[in-house]
C-alpha cells in the first residue's frame, strides 16, 4: 500500500476540491447562486450570520477560481450581481450530494428551510405534515 505524503495530498482532486469549497460559507453561497444571479445584499440576507467581509472574501475567491462571475452595472447606486459559471454549475451535484447526506444522516428540525437546486424536485410532504 502506497503511503501518501502531505505534498501528494495537495495534488489529490478531493483535496483540491475541499480546499475550494470546504469552508462554512462557500457551499451555501453556491446553493444560493444555483437559483440564478444574486446581488450581494440578497446573499447576505440569505446567509444569516455571515459578515460582509467574509462574504466579500468568499465571493472574490470563487471569482478568482472561475466558479462565479461578478457583473457590475453602471447605475446609481451601483449594482453588482453574481452568477455561477459552467465550472460553478458543475459543482451542483456535489452540493446536492451534501444536501441528501444531511437529510438522511444529519436531520435537524431546527434548520431553516433551504433553497432547492434548479432541476431538483421537492420531497413530497409526509402525511403527518399535512393539516
Protein backbone atom coordinates (compact mmCIF):
# COMPACT_ATOMS: atom_id res chain seq x y z
CA UNK A 1 0.00 0.00 0.00
CA UNK A 2 1.42 3.36 -1.03
CA UNK A 3 1.59 5.97 1.71
CA UNK A 4 0.69 9.47 0.67
CA UNK A 5 2.60 12.43 1.91
CA UNK A 6 1.14 15.81 2.70
CA UNK A 7 2.65 17.10 -0.56
CA UNK A 8 0.92 14.31 -2.53
CA UNK A 9 -2.43 15.05 -0.91
CA UNK A 10 -2.29 18.67 -2.10
CA UNK A 11 -2.48 17.37 -5.67
CA UNK A 12 -5.32 14.96 -4.92
CA UNK A 13 -8.54 16.03 -6.69
CA UNK A 14 -10.55 15.54 -3.49
CA UNK A 15 -8.14 17.72 -1.50
CA UNK A 16 -8.17 20.45 -4.16
CA UNK A 17 -11.97 20.46 -4.29
CA UNK A 18 -12.19 20.52 -0.49
CA UNK A 19 -9.76 23.44 -0.46
CA UNK A 20 -12.12 25.31 -2.78
CA UNK A 21 -15.49 24.56 -1.16
CA UNK A 22 -14.58 23.13 2.24
CA UNK A 23 -15.39 26.05 4.49
CA UNK A 24 -18.54 27.06 6.33
CA UNK A 25 -19.96 29.51 3.80
CA UNK A 26 -18.91 28.52 0.28
CA UNK A 27 -21.34 25.62 -0.21
CA UNK A 28 -24.17 27.88 0.98
CA UNK A 29 -23.14 30.62 -1.45
CA UNK A 30 -23.14 28.04 -4.25
CA UNK A 31 -26.54 26.78 -3.11
CA UNK A 32 -27.98 30.28 -3.33
CA UNK A 33 -26.40 31.01 -6.71
CA UNK A 34 -27.80 27.76 -8.10
CA UNK A 35 -31.13 29.59 -8.28
CA UNK A 36 -29.70 32.27 -10.56
CA UNK A 37 -27.91 35.59 -10.23
CA UNK A 38 -27.89 37.27 -6.84
CA UNK A 39 -26.86 40.63 -5.50
CA UNK A 40 -24.52 40.95 -2.55
CA UNK A 41 -27.35 42.07 -0.26
CA UNK A 42 -29.51 39.09 -1.27
CA UNK A 43 -26.69 36.69 -0.43
CA UNK A 44 -26.00 38.48 2.84
CA UNK A 45 -29.67 38.19 3.90
CA UNK A 46 -29.84 34.53 2.95
CA UNK A 47 -26.61 33.64 4.74
CA UNK A 48 -27.62 34.71 8.22
CA UNK A 49 -24.56 35.20 10.39
CA UNK A 50 -22.01 35.81 7.64
CA UNK A 51 -20.09 39.06 7.95
CA UNK A 52 -19.87 41.35 4.90
CA UNK A 53 -16.09 40.95 4.97
CA UNK A 54 -16.29 37.15 4.90
CA UNK A 55 -18.89 37.20 2.12
CA UNK A 56 -16.71 39.55 0.06
CA UNK A 57 -13.67 37.33 0.58
CA UNK A 58 -15.54 34.15 -0.39
CA UNK A 59 -17.05 35.77 -3.48
CA UNK A 60 -13.65 37.09 -4.55
CA UNK A 61 -12.06 33.69 -4.08
CA UNK A 62 -14.81 31.98 -6.10
CA UNK A 63 -14.46 34.57 -8.84
CA UNK A 64 -10.69 34.01 -8.97
CA UNK A 65 -11.33 30.26 -9.25
CA UNK A 66 -13.78 30.96 -12.12
CA UNK A 67 -16.66 29.41 -10.17
CA UNK A 68 -18.75 32.56 -10.43
CA UNK A 69 -18.83 35.80 -12.34
CA UNK A 70 -19.22 39.28 -10.95
CA UNK A 71 -21.09 41.72 -13.18
CA UNK A 72 -21.14 45.44 -12.41
CA UNK A 73 -23.86 47.63 -13.85
CA UNK A 74 -23.15 51.33 -14.41
CA UNK A 75 -26.11 52.58 -12.41
CA UNK A 76 -26.62 54.87 -9.46
CA UNK A 77 -26.42 53.34 -6.97
CA UNK A 78 -24.06 50.75 -8.49
CA UNK A 79 -25.49 47.28 -8.90
CA UNK A 80 -23.33 44.16 -8.76
CA UNK A 81 -24.64 40.68 -9.46
CA UNK A 82 -23.03 37.29 -9.03
CA UNK A 83 -23.80 34.17 -11.06
CA UNK A 84 -22.35 30.70 -11.46
CA UNK A 85 -20.15 29.88 -14.42
CA UNK A 86 -20.30 26.48 -16.13
CA UNK A 87 -17.45 25.46 -13.80
CA UNK A 88 -19.63 26.52 -10.85
CA UNK A 89 -22.66 24.70 -12.24
CA UNK A 90 -20.53 21.55 -12.36
CA UNK A 91 -20.26 21.72 -8.55
CA UNK A 92 -24.03 21.45 -8.10
CA UNK A 93 -24.05 17.63 -7.92
CA UNK A 94 -21.54 17.90 -5.06
CA UNK A 95 -23.80 20.37 -3.24
CA UNK A 96 -26.84 18.18 -3.93
CA UNK A 97 -24.97 15.16 -2.52
CA UNK A 98 -24.24 17.17 0.62
CA UNK A 99 -27.94 18.04 0.86
CA UNK A 100 -29.00 14.41 0.52
CA UNK A 101 -26.40 13.23 3.04
CA UNK A 102 -27.54 15.86 5.53
CA UNK A 103 -31.19 14.95 5.10
CA UNK A 104 -30.50 11.27 5.61
CA UNK A 105 -27.78 11.23 8.24
CA UNK A 106 -27.86 14.63 9.96
CA UNK A 107 -31.53 15.51 10.42
CA UNK A 108 -32.05 18.68 12.41
CA UNK A 109 -35.51 20.05 12.97
CA UNK A 110 -34.06 23.45 13.90
CA UNK A 111 -32.66 24.06 10.39
CA UNK A 112 -34.31 26.76 8.32
CA UNK A 113 -35.81 25.52 5.07
CA UNK A 114 -33.17 25.70 2.39
CA UNK A 115 -33.41 26.59 -1.25
CA UNK A 116 -33.90 23.75 -3.68
CA UNK A 117 -31.47 23.37 -6.55
CA UNK A 118 -32.69 24.05 -10.05
CA UNK A 119 -33.90 20.82 -11.55
CA UNK A 120 -34.33 19.02 -8.25
CA UNK A 121 -37.77 18.07 -7.13
CA UNK A 122 -39.00 18.85 -3.65
CA UNK A 123 -39.58 15.90 -1.38
CA UNK A 124 -43.25 15.02 -1.08
CA UNK A 125 -44.95 16.10 2.13
CA UNK A 126 -45.37 13.38 4.72
CA UNK A 127 -48.95 12.66 5.63
CA UNK A 128 -48.27 13.72 9.23
CA UNK A 129 -47.15 17.14 7.95
CA UNK A 130 -50.36 17.81 6.08
CA UNK A 131 -53.11 19.53 8.12
